[in-house]
Each structure stands twice: as structure tokens, then as C-alpha cells.
Amino acid sequence: LRVLDVSFNTGVDLEMLATVPELNLTGINFAGCGSVTLPGLRALLTSCPDLATIDLSMCRRVFTGLPSSVHHLFNAMANVKLQDLKLNLLSIASFRSLALIKNLKRLEVNNLDVPGAEVIQCLQDLNCDHLEYLCLKDLGAPPTELKRIVMEKNFARLTSLDLSCGGETVTNGLLLAISRKMPNLQCLRLQSNPGISDAGVLGLSSSASLPSTMVEIKDWLAKKNKILLGSRQEQEIQMSKIQKEIAAEQLMEAENLDAGLYLLNKLTELDLSQTSITGLSLKLGISAPDLRKLNVENSAEIEDSALYDFAIRHPRLEELRIGFTTISDTSLISCLSCLPRLVHLNVSSCKNLSNAGVRAIGQIAPQLKTLVLSNCQHINMETARVLETSMPNLTVHTLGLQAERYQSMRGFHPSPPPPPPAPGPPPPF
């Protein structure tokens, strides 16, 4: 026995397990085991010196002791061959003692009830030279301190980074530091970070500053022999659009991009869903020729032409998630025509797609294996069934689609209503 998984079980007695003769586990998963205690875990670490993988997510009794006890626990972990550690949904005293473990290759710490200063101190002291996978979700740490740590530490071996649901922690400045110091990243997940915008993806903060006032924008338009029409409120609405045009012009004039995601040319998976990016990021900010997975769901400002420009430069894409966007039939068809390897497509809740555009997928992308059409308002069940019939290898997810009405089916004619009943004899007086 080398790997033991008893996750989400009760009555797990590690002190008894540690007495099993010749037991030398290399991997344990105790996620959700409320009965796992600190003394039991320390006994198991002593009896299994070859432990390389440990999952202690939601094992709250392990870390409820004094800071000195937690310090001794992390010290015991440092004495085994630990390389993969998961600590999720926990409240940990003396979290900085995690830095005692020197040869970690995979680290996952999500939703911790730990002060931001403790998190920063731990990351500052942690040996990152061997890290290949790092997952940090919902960490309440200052973004400026995280940016400083990224710039100072060695992340040369890091290939996968997950900073989803970072809130105010993940900003454009941190993204710029990541692009500079983690050149070997292959997987980057930034889901649900509204602080990420075109400025971080394109590296605009290192370029000339964009005009931020109405006077500066009018001066820029005057140089182009243009004027800004409309009321003051209408002009303020147009400000963001004009700023995007200015940013695009600056990037076009530059000879080459030397900042932002453009530097991460080894990416194979990228998740920018529920961020503040626009089509400009897809047009100019991403240049990963071997990209296989892209997720830009809930990005309402991605225009049709941006998706087509992106597809032309990334023909190896295998999975595309563009749900909750304003993509049209024309854009979808032109995009799919550039992606001969695409096998998974998610267009759920896309309000501008119609039955005609979706039915054309059968001719444009016959290699598709999964198609998600859930909650598309203008697509009915009949369209999904036609696709499944013409593409035997395709699985269509149809949650929330409109059912085809019988009246619209070919050859169906509703029967006339029955004649009224014949009048009976008059009632007696």
C-alpha cells in the first residue's frame, strides 16, 4: 500500500494507522476528515518517511492548536519527502512556518483564514526554486506586496499558476510582474478577477499614459481632425471607447510588445473569464502559438472581429469557452473555420446566436465532440437534435433551451375544434 484516500470520512484514527507494521505511504488524502488530529498526523509522518503528497483540506482539528504546535507539525513535514501539499478552507496559526518545507513542487492554499501579513511572510521565506504548480485563491494579501515577492523570488520552474477569485489582490500590476518573472508558464487561470483589464494583458502601464480627462481626449481627437459630439453624459460614455482606440494605436505604432501576456508564449491554457478585458486583449495581447484552451466567458465587451483575429493566430485551439458574450452567428462561423482542432465549444447564454448559425456548425466544425448551448434564448431543441443526428460523435448540452412547438413542425396540422352539441328539448315549465 502506497497511496491512501479516505477523504470525507469520519472515525479516521491516524495513531492506530501509524502502528501498522512496515507501513510506508507515499500519498495520503484526508480532505474533509474532521476526526484527523495533530498528534495522529505527527505519528503518521514519523512512520512514513517517504510521504510525498498530503491533502489536509478542511482538516480543521489539525491546526487548532497553539502556534508552537503548528510550527512543530510543519517541521515534521519538512523531514519527509513532501513535494505536493494542499491546505484549503482552513484557519492556520503560525502559517509562516510553512516555509520550513524546502522542496515543494506543488502547493495549493485556498480560502485560508490567515492574516495577510502572515501570507506575505510565508511567501517571502518559502523556497520557490522547485515549484511547478501554485494555486492561491481568495488570499487577503496586499497586491503591492505580492508583486514585490513575484519580482524578487525565483519562479523559473513554475508552469501552472491559479489566482482565481483574487478580488482586490490580483491587479494589472501583479499580472505584469507575473509576465516578466514566470516565462515558462503553460497554464494561467485568472478567473473572477475584475481588476484585470486590457492594461495588464497588454502591458500598457509600461507604455505612455492614456488620456484620462475629457480635455485630453478632445485634444487627441483634434489632432485627428475629429470632434466629440453629444451631451456631457454621452461624451463620458464614449470616453472608455476612445481610450481603447488610443491604446490600440499606441500598440500598433510600437515595433514589438515587450510586456503583458504577450511575453508568455508557452501558454497552453488561459482563463480570463469574468475579468474586465475587451476585444483588444484578444487582438494584440495574446501570442501563444501552442494555446489549447481559452476561457473568456462573461466578457461582454469582446467584439466579433476580435475573436476572429484571435482564432487566425491560434489554430491549435482545442477548447473554447465564450459563454455569456455578445458573439454573433457570423463571428462564430468565421472563428470556427480557423480552428480545425477544436473539440469542445461552450456558447451558453449567448443571446445573439440563432438557429441558422448553430446549424451551420455541422459543416464548419465536424470534428466537435462537445457543444454547450444551455440557456441560449434564440435556439430551440430541434436545432440541437439536428446537430446530434448529423454529427454522431457530438454531445450537445441543452439545459434551458426552448422546446420546439408542434405547430412549427413540418406536416403537422391541428385538428379543428369539435362541433358544439345539438340543442336539447326545451325545459318543462
Protein backbone atom coordinates (compact mmCIF):
# COMPACT_ATOMS: atom_id res chain seq x y z
CA LEU A 1 0.00 0.00 0.00
CA ARG A 2 1.48 3.31 -1.12
CA VAL A 3 -1.45 5.72 -1.53
CA LEU A 4 -4.37 6.06 0.89
CA ASP A 5 -7.50 8.13 0.17
CA VAL A 6 -10.08 8.28 2.98
CA SER A 7 -11.36 11.77 2.20
CA PHE A 8 -14.70 12.89 3.69
CA ASN A 9 -14.82 10.04 6.21
CA THR A 10 -15.29 10.04 9.96
CA GLY A 11 -13.56 7.99 12.64
CA VAL A 12 -10.12 8.09 10.96
CA ASP A 13 -7.61 7.14 13.69
CA LEU A 14 -4.14 8.01 12.43
CA GLU A 15 -2.41 6.97 15.65
CA MET A 16 -3.69 3.43 15.13
CA LEU A 17 -2.81 3.56 11.44
CA ALA A 18 0.75 4.57 12.28
CA THR A 19 1.24 1.29 14.20
CA VAL A 20 0.70 -0.89 11.10
CA PRO A 21 3.94 -2.87 10.57
CA GLU A 22 6.11 -1.88 7.59
CA LEU A 23 3.66 0.87 6.55
CA ASN A 24 5.37 3.47 4.34
CA LEU A 25 2.82 5.55 2.46
CA THR A 26 3.81 8.00 -0.29
CA GLY A 27 0.45 9.76 -0.65
CA ILE A 28 -2.45 10.49 1.73
CA ASN A 29 -5.74 12.31 1.19
CA PHE A 30 -7.57 13.30 4.37
CA ALA A 31 -9.66 16.12 2.85
CA GLY A 32 -12.82 16.69 4.87
CA CYS A 33 -11.87 14.26 7.64
CA GLY A 34 -12.92 16.03 10.81
CA SER A 35 -11.51 13.28 13.02
CA VAL A 36 -7.88 13.77 11.93
CA THR A 37 -5.90 15.30 14.79
CA LEU A 38 -2.50 16.88 15.18
CA PRO A 39 -0.95 14.06 17.30
CA GLY A 40 -2.23 11.43 14.86
CA LEU A 41 -0.80 13.22 11.85
CA ARG A 42 2.58 13.66 13.53
CA ALA A 43 2.64 9.93 14.37
CA LEU A 44 1.90 9.07 10.72
CA LEU A 45 4.64 11.42 9.48
CA THR A 46 7.12 9.64 11.74
CA SER A 47 6.15 6.17 10.47
CA CYS A 48 6.03 7.17 6.77
CA PRO A 49 9.27 8.99 5.87
CA ASP A 50 8.58 8.72 2.11
CA LEU A 51 5.37 10.80 2.16
CA ALA A 52 5.36 12.99 -0.96
CA THR A 53 1.70 14.02 -1.30
CA ILE A 54 -0.57 15.29 1.51
CA ASP A 55 -4.09 16.75 1.25
CA LEU A 56 -5.33 18.26 4.54
CA SER A 57 -8.14 20.41 3.17
CA MET A 58 -10.84 21.10 5.77
CA CYS A 59 -8.95 19.15 8.46
CA ARG A 60 -9.59 21.88 10.99
CA ARG A 61 -8.64 19.92 14.13
CA VAL A 62 -5.09 19.58 12.88
CA PHE A 63 -4.42 23.32 13.01
CA THR A 64 -6.48 24.39 16.02
CA GLY A 65 -3.60 24.11 18.49
CA LEU A 66 -1.08 26.69 19.64
CA PRO A 67 1.25 28.32 17.08
CA SER A 68 4.16 26.34 18.52
CA SER A 69 2.33 23.04 17.86
CA VAL A 70 1.64 24.04 14.24
CA HIS A 71 5.28 25.02 13.88
CA HIS A 72 6.38 21.55 15.02
CA LEU A 73 3.92 19.97 12.55
CA PHE A 74 5.38 21.85 9.59
CA ASN A 75 8.84 20.95 10.83
CA ALA A 76 7.84 17.27 10.79
CA MET A 77 6.58 17.69 7.21
CA ALA A 78 9.96 19.14 6.29
CA ASN A 79 11.63 15.92 7.46
CA VAL A 80 9.76 13.72 4.94
CA LYS A 81 9.99 13.80 1.15
CA LEU A 82 6.98 16.11 0.80
CA GLN A 83 6.50 17.62 -2.68
CA ASP A 84 2.72 18.14 -3.00
CA LEU A 85 0.71 19.89 -0.27
CA LYS A 86 -2.95 21.05 -0.23
CA LEU A 87 -4.28 23.27 2.56
CA ASN A 88 -7.76 24.57 1.69
CA LEU A 89 -10.56 26.06 3.81
CA LEU A 90 -8.52 26.21 6.99
CA SER A 91 -7.62 28.56 9.81
CA ILE A 92 -3.91 28.12 10.47
CA ALA A 93 -1.95 29.65 13.30
CA SER A 94 1.71 30.39 12.52
CA PHE A 95 1.13 29.97 8.77
CA ARG A 96 4.60 31.36 8.11
CA SER A 97 6.06 28.06 9.40
CA LEU A 98 5.01 26.50 6.08
CA ALA A 99 8.25 27.93 4.70
CA LEU A 100 10.14 25.22 6.63
CA ILE A 101 9.26 22.81 3.81
CA LYS A 102 12.03 23.32 1.27
CA ASN A 103 11.40 21.08 -1.76
CA LEU A 104 7.74 21.67 -2.61
CA LYS A 105 6.79 21.21 -6.25
CA ARG A 106 3.02 21.67 -5.91
CA LEU A 107 1.33 23.98 -3.41
CA GLU A 108 -2.39 24.71 -3.09
CA VAL A 109 -3.65 27.11 -0.41
CA ASN A 110 -7.18 28.42 -0.96
CA ASN A 111 -9.71 30.24 1.23
CA LEU A 112 -7.49 30.44 4.30
CA ASP A 113 -8.45 32.33 7.44
CA VAL A 114 -4.96 33.78 7.79
CA PRO A 115 -3.88 37.43 8.16
CA GLY A 116 -2.42 38.97 5.03
CA ALA A 117 0.85 39.72 6.82
CA GLU A 118 1.26 36.01 7.62
CA VAL A 119 0.67 35.08 3.98
CA ILE A 120 3.23 37.61 2.76
CA GLN A 121 5.82 36.47 5.34
CA CYS A 122 5.30 32.83 4.35
CA LEU A 123 5.69 33.52 0.62
CA GLN A 124 8.73 35.68 1.36
CA ASP A 125 10.51 32.85 3.21
CA LEU A 126 9.26 29.97 1.04
CA ASN A 127 11.74 28.23 -1.24
CA CYS A 128 10.15 28.59 -4.71
CA ASP A 129 13.05 27.20 -6.73
CA HIS A 130 11.33 23.83 -7.26
CA LEU A 131 7.71 24.99 -7.54
CA GLU A 132 5.93 23.76 -10.67
CA TYR A 133 2.29 24.35 -9.64
CA LEU A 134 0.99 27.15 -7.41
CA CYS A 135 -2.67 27.76 -6.54
CA LEU A 136 -3.52 30.81 -4.41
CA LYS A 137 -7.24 31.63 -4.26
CA ASP A 138 -9.00 34.17 -2.05
CA LEU A 139 -5.89 35.36 -0.26
CA GLY A 140 -6.32 38.66 1.55
CA ALA A 141 -2.82 39.92 0.84
CA PRO A 142 -1.85 43.40 -0.40
CA PRO A 143 -1.28 43.38 -4.18
CA THR A 144 1.82 45.58 -3.91
CA GLU A 145 3.47 43.08 -1.56
CA LEU A 146 2.57 40.16 -3.80
CA LYS A 147 4.03 41.99 -6.78
CA ARG A 148 7.26 42.60 -4.84
CA ILE A 149 7.53 38.91 -3.94
CA VAL A 150 6.96 37.84 -7.55
CA MET A 151 9.71 40.18 -8.71
CA GLU A 152 12.17 39.00 -6.03
CA LYS A 153 11.65 35.23 -5.98
CA ASN A 154 12.78 32.61 -8.47
CA PHE A 155 9.85 31.05 -10.35
CA ALA A 156 11.81 29.67 -13.28
CA ARG A 157 10.28 26.19 -12.97
CA LEU A 158 6.69 27.28 -12.42
CA THR A 159 4.45 26.02 -15.24
CA SER A 160 0.95 26.38 -13.73
CA LEU A 161 -0.46 29.33 -11.75
CA ASP A 162 -4.02 29.70 -10.45
CA LEU A 163 -5.03 33.08 -8.98
CA SER A 164 -8.79 32.74 -9.47
CA CYS A 165 -11.21 34.69 -7.25
CA GLY A 166 -8.48 37.03 -6.07
CA GLY A 167 -10.75 40.02 -5.54
CA GLU A 168 -8.68 43.15 -4.91
CA THR A 169 -5.49 41.10 -4.54
CA VAL A 170 -4.97 40.38 -8.26
CA THR A 171 -4.35 43.57 -10.23
CA ASN A 172 -2.81 44.65 -13.51
CA GLY A 173 0.47 45.42 -11.76
CA LEU A 174 0.68 41.87 -10.41
CA LEU A 175 -0.10 40.48 -13.86
CA LEU A 176 2.75 42.50 -15.37
CA ALA A 177 5.14 41.08 -12.74
CA ILE A 178 3.94 37.55 -13.48
CA SER A 179 4.54 38.03 -17.20
CA ARG A 180 8.09 39.20 -16.50
CA LYS A 181 9.18 36.66 -13.89
CA MET A 182 7.36 33.46 -14.93
CA PRO A 183 8.36 32.94 -18.57
CA ASN A 184 7.75 29.18 -18.55
CA LEU A 185 4.07 29.33 -17.58
CA GLN A 186 1.92 26.90 -19.53
CA CYS A 187 -1.31 27.29 -17.57
CA LEU A 188 -2.61 30.61 -16.20
CA ARG A 189 -6.01 30.94 -14.53
CA LEU A 190 -7.27 34.42 -13.63
CA GLN A 191 -10.99 33.75 -13.37
CA SER A 192 -13.20 36.20 -11.42
CA ASN A 193 -10.65 38.99 -11.11
CA PRO A 194 -12.34 42.24 -12.16
CA GLY A 195 -9.08 44.12 -11.52
CA ILE A 196 -7.57 42.51 -14.64
CA SER A 197 -8.14 44.63 -17.74
CA ASP A 198 -6.52 45.40 -21.09
CA ALA A 199 -3.88 47.48 -19.30
CA GLY A 200 -2.48 44.35 -17.62
CA VAL A 201 -2.89 41.98 -20.54
CA LEU A 202 -1.24 44.40 -22.98
CA GLY A 203 1.29 45.87 -20.56
CA LEU A 204 0.00 49.40 -21.06
CA SER A 205 1.19 50.59 -17.68
CA SER A 206 4.74 50.45 -19.01
CA SER A 207 3.80 52.47 -22.09
CA ALA A 208 2.78 56.06 -22.42
CA SER A 209 -0.09 57.03 -20.14
CA LEU A 210 -3.54 57.20 -21.67
CA PRO A 211 -5.59 60.41 -21.54
CA SER A 212 -7.91 60.26 -18.56
CA THR A 213 -9.75 63.60 -18.73
CA MET A 214 -12.23 64.97 -21.22
CA VAL A 215 -9.86 67.80 -22.17
CA GLU A 216 -7.04 65.39 -23.03
CA ILE A 217 -9.36 63.23 -25.11
CA LYS A 218 -10.64 66.26 -27.03
CA ASP A 219 -7.06 67.33 -27.72
CA TRP A 220 -6.27 63.88 -29.09
CA LEU A 221 -9.37 63.96 -31.30
CA ALA A 222 -8.44 67.43 -32.54
CA LYS A 223 -5.13 66.05 -33.82
CA LYS A 224 -7.16 63.53 -35.83
CA ASN A 225 -9.43 66.31 -37.16
CA LYS A 226 -12.35 64.91 -35.17
CA ILE A 227 -14.74 66.39 -32.65
CA LEU A 228 -16.73 64.80 -29.85
CA LEU A 229 -20.48 65.30 -30.26
CA GLY A 230 -23.34 64.76 -27.85
CA SER A 231 -24.20 65.92 -24.35
CA ARG A 232 -21.75 65.77 -21.50
CA GLN A 233 -23.22 62.49 -20.29
CA GLU A 234 -22.97 60.97 -23.78
CA GLN A 235 -19.36 62.12 -24.08
CA GLU A 236 -18.46 60.48 -20.77
CA ILE A 237 -19.98 57.23 -22.01
CA GLN A 238 -17.75 57.39 -25.10
CA MET A 239 -14.58 58.02 -23.09
CA SER A 240 -13.76 54.34 -22.49
CA LYS A 241 -14.22 53.52 -26.17
CA ILE A 242 -11.91 56.33 -27.23
CA GLN A 243 -9.30 55.26 -24.68
CA LYS A 244 -9.31 51.79 -26.22
CA GLU A 245 -8.74 53.32 -29.66
CA ILE A 246 -5.82 55.33 -28.32
CA ALA A 247 -4.33 52.24 -26.65
CA ALA A 248 -4.69 50.23 -29.85
CA GLU A 249 -2.99 52.98 -31.85
CA GLN A 250 -0.06 53.09 -29.40
CA LEU A 251 0.37 49.35 -29.66
CA MET A 252 0.20 49.39 -33.44
CA GLU A 253 2.89 52.07 -33.57
CA ALA A 254 5.18 50.06 -31.29
CA GLU A 255 7.62 47.82 -33.13
CA ASN A 256 7.10 44.91 -30.73
CA LEU A 257 5.32 44.22 -27.48
CA ASP A 258 7.61 43.67 -24.50
CA ALA A 259 5.13 43.43 -21.63
CA GLY A 260 1.95 41.70 -20.55
CA LEU A 261 0.72 38.29 -21.63
CA TYR A 262 2.49 38.72 -24.96
CA LEU A 263 5.66 37.52 -23.18
CA LEU A 264 4.07 34.22 -22.12
CA ASN A 265 4.41 32.46 -25.46
CA LYS A 266 4.46 28.95 -23.92
CA LEU A 267 0.88 29.08 -22.66
CA THR A 268 -1.35 26.11 -23.46
CA GLU A 269 -4.27 27.06 -21.17
CA LEU A 270 -5.56 30.55 -20.36
CA ASP A 271 -8.60 31.53 -18.29
CA LEU A 272 -9.67 35.20 -18.40
CA SER A 273 -13.36 34.67 -17.64
CA GLN A 274 -15.19 37.27 -15.55
CA THR A 275 -12.43 39.84 -15.92
CA SER A 276 -12.57 43.36 -17.36
CA ILE A 277 -10.80 42.65 -20.66
CA THR A 278 -12.13 43.69 -24.06
CA GLY A 279 -11.52 42.52 -27.60
CA LEU A 280 -8.28 44.48 -27.68
CA SER A 281 -6.65 41.87 -25.44
CA LEU A 282 -7.56 39.07 -27.84
CA LYS A 283 -6.41 41.03 -30.87
CA LEU A 284 -2.99 42.14 -29.63
CA GLY A 285 -2.26 40.87 -26.13
CA ILE A 286 -2.00 37.09 -26.51
CA SER A 287 0.60 35.38 -28.65
CA ALA A 288 0.87 31.71 -27.65
CA PRO A 289 1.05 29.60 -30.83
CA ASP A 290 0.53 26.34 -28.90
CA LEU A 291 -2.52 27.53 -26.91
CA ARG A 292 -5.05 24.71 -26.50
CA LYS A 293 -7.67 26.07 -24.05
CA LEU A 294 -9.18 29.55 -23.79
CA ASN A 295 -11.93 30.76 -21.47
CA VAL A 296 -13.31 34.30 -21.86
CA GLU A 297 -16.82 33.74 -20.51
CA ASN A 298 -18.70 36.73 -19.08
CA SER A 299 -16.65 39.19 -21.12
CA ALA A 300 -19.39 41.32 -22.62
CA GLU A 301 -17.09 43.77 -24.42
CA ILE A 302 -15.43 41.28 -26.75
CA GLU A 303 -16.48 42.24 -30.25
CA ASP A 304 -16.85 39.84 -33.16
CA SER A 305 -13.73 40.88 -35.06
CA ALA A 306 -11.51 40.29 -32.02
CA LEU A 307 -12.48 36.64 -31.75
CA TYR A 308 -11.77 36.08 -35.44
CA ASP A 309 -8.35 37.75 -35.22
CA PHE A 310 -7.52 35.57 -32.23
CA ALA A 311 -8.60 32.35 -33.98
CA ILE A 312 -6.42 33.06 -37.01
CA ARG A 313 -3.29 33.23 -34.83
CA HIS A 314 -4.14 30.19 -32.64
CA PRO A 315 -5.22 27.34 -34.97
CA ARG A 316 -4.26 24.63 -32.42
CA LEU A 317 -7.04 25.60 -30.02
CA GLU A 318 -8.96 22.54 -28.78
CA GLU A 319 -11.32 24.08 -26.20
CA LEU A 320 -13.09 27.44 -26.43
CA ARG A 321 -15.46 28.88 -23.82
CA ILE A 322 -17.22 32.07 -24.89
CA GLY A 323 -20.48 31.82 -22.94
CA PHE A 324 -22.28 34.98 -21.78
CA THR A 325 -20.74 37.05 -24.61
CA THR A 326 -22.30 39.00 -27.49
CA ILE A 327 -20.86 36.82 -30.25
CA SER A 328 -22.98 36.68 -33.41
CA ASP A 329 -23.62 33.93 -35.97
CA THR A 330 -21.18 35.43 -38.48
CA SER A 331 -18.41 35.74 -35.91
CA LEU A 332 -18.92 32.19 -34.64
CA ILE A 333 -18.81 30.66 -38.12
CA SER A 334 -15.74 32.65 -39.19
CA CYS A 335 -13.99 31.77 -35.91
CA LEU A 336 -14.70 28.04 -36.19
CA SER A 337 -13.45 27.96 -39.76
CA CYS A 338 -9.97 28.83 -38.41
CA LEU A 339 -9.92 26.16 -35.68
CA PRO A 340 -9.62 22.70 -37.27
CA ARG A 341 -8.67 21.03 -33.95
CA LEU A 342 -11.49 22.42 -31.81
CA VAL A 343 -13.37 19.63 -29.99
CA HIS A 344 -15.08 21.48 -27.11
CA LEU A 345 -17.18 24.63 -27.61
CA ASN A 346 -19.21 26.44 -24.95
CA VAL A 347 -21.57 29.18 -26.14
CA SER A 348 -24.05 29.03 -23.27
CA SER A 349 -26.23 32.10 -22.67
CA CYS A 350 -25.14 33.80 -25.91
CA LYS A 351 -28.19 35.91 -26.77
CA ASN A 352 -27.17 36.84 -30.33
CA LEU A 353 -26.89 33.29 -31.69
CA SER A 354 -29.72 31.94 -33.82
CA ASN A 355 -30.81 28.52 -35.07
CA ALA A 356 -29.37 29.14 -38.53
CA GLY A 357 -25.91 29.97 -37.20
CA VAL A 358 -25.76 26.99 -34.86
CA ARG A 359 -26.95 24.55 -37.52
CA ALA A 360 -24.04 25.64 -39.72
CA ILE A 361 -21.62 24.23 -37.13
CA GLY A 362 -22.17 20.78 -38.64
CA GLN A 363 -20.49 21.83 -41.89
CA ILE A 364 -17.89 24.19 -40.41
CA ALA A 365 -16.63 22.09 -37.46
CA PRO A 366 -17.49 18.40 -37.96
CA GLN A 367 -14.73 17.39 -35.51
CA LEU A 368 -16.57 18.82 -32.49
CA LYS A 369 -17.28 16.37 -29.65
CA THR A 370 -18.95 18.64 -27.07
CA LEU A 371 -21.21 21.63 -27.66
CA VAL A 372 -22.81 23.56 -24.79
CA LEU A 373 -25.92 25.51 -25.86
CA SER A 374 -27.50 25.92 -22.43
CA ASN A 375 -29.76 28.96 -21.91
CA CYS A 376 -29.40 30.33 -25.45
CA GLN A 377 -32.65 32.27 -25.89
CA HIS A 378 -33.00 32.02 -29.67
CA ILE A 379 -32.00 28.36 -30.10
CA ASN A 380 -34.54 25.57 -29.80
CA MET A 381 -34.35 21.85 -29.13
CA GLU A 382 -34.95 20.96 -32.76
CA THR A 383 -31.63 22.60 -33.73
CA ALA A 384 -29.79 20.60 -31.09
CA ARG A 385 -31.35 17.35 -32.31
CA VAL A 386 -30.44 18.11 -35.93
CA LEU A 387 -26.80 18.58 -34.90
CA GLU A 388 -26.72 15.36 -32.90
CA THR A 389 -28.23 13.47 -35.85
CA SER A 390 -25.76 14.84 -38.40
CA MET A 391 -22.74 14.53 -36.06
CA PRO A 392 -22.79 11.11 -34.31
CA ASN A 393 -19.74 11.89 -32.14
CA LEU A 394 -21.21 15.14 -30.82
CA THR A 395 -22.74 15.59 -27.37
CA VAL A 396 -24.99 18.66 -27.06
CA HIS A 397 -25.87 20.16 -23.67
CA THR A 398 -29.30 21.74 -23.96
CA LEU A 399 -30.28 22.87 -20.47
CA GLY A 400 -32.73 25.78 -20.72
CA LEU A 401 -33.39 25.63 -24.49
CA GLN A 402 -36.83 26.38 -25.87
CA ALA A 403 -38.83 23.31 -26.80
CA GLU A 404 -39.89 23.14 -30.44
CA ARG A 405 -43.59 23.86 -30.78
CA TYR A 406 -45.69 21.26 -32.50
CA GLN A 407 -47.31 23.87 -34.69
CA SER A 408 -43.99 24.65 -36.36
CA MET A 409 -43.20 21.04 -37.28
CA ARG A 410 -43.49 20.14 -40.96
CA GLY A 411 -46.65 18.33 -41.91
CA PHE A 412 -48.49 18.98 -38.65
CA HIS A 413 -51.95 20.50 -38.91
CA PRO A 414 -54.00 20.97 -35.78
CA SER A 415 -57.45 19.32 -35.94
CA PRO A 416 -60.47 21.66 -35.97
CA PRO A 417 -62.36 22.08 -32.71
CA PRO A 418 -65.32 19.71 -32.20
CA PRO A 419 -68.78 21.00 -33.21
CA PRO A 420 -70.97 22.39 -30.48
CA PRO A 421 -73.51 19.96 -29.03
CA ALA A 422 -77.03 19.87 -30.58
CA PRO A 423 -79.62 21.83 -28.66
CA GLY A 424 -81.80 19.62 -26.44
CA PRO A 425 -85.59 19.82 -25.80
CA PRO A 426 -86.80 22.91 -24.01
CA PRO A 427 -87.00 22.52 -20.25
CA PRO A 428 -90.53 21.91 -18.85
CA PHE A 429 -92.42 24.71 -17.15
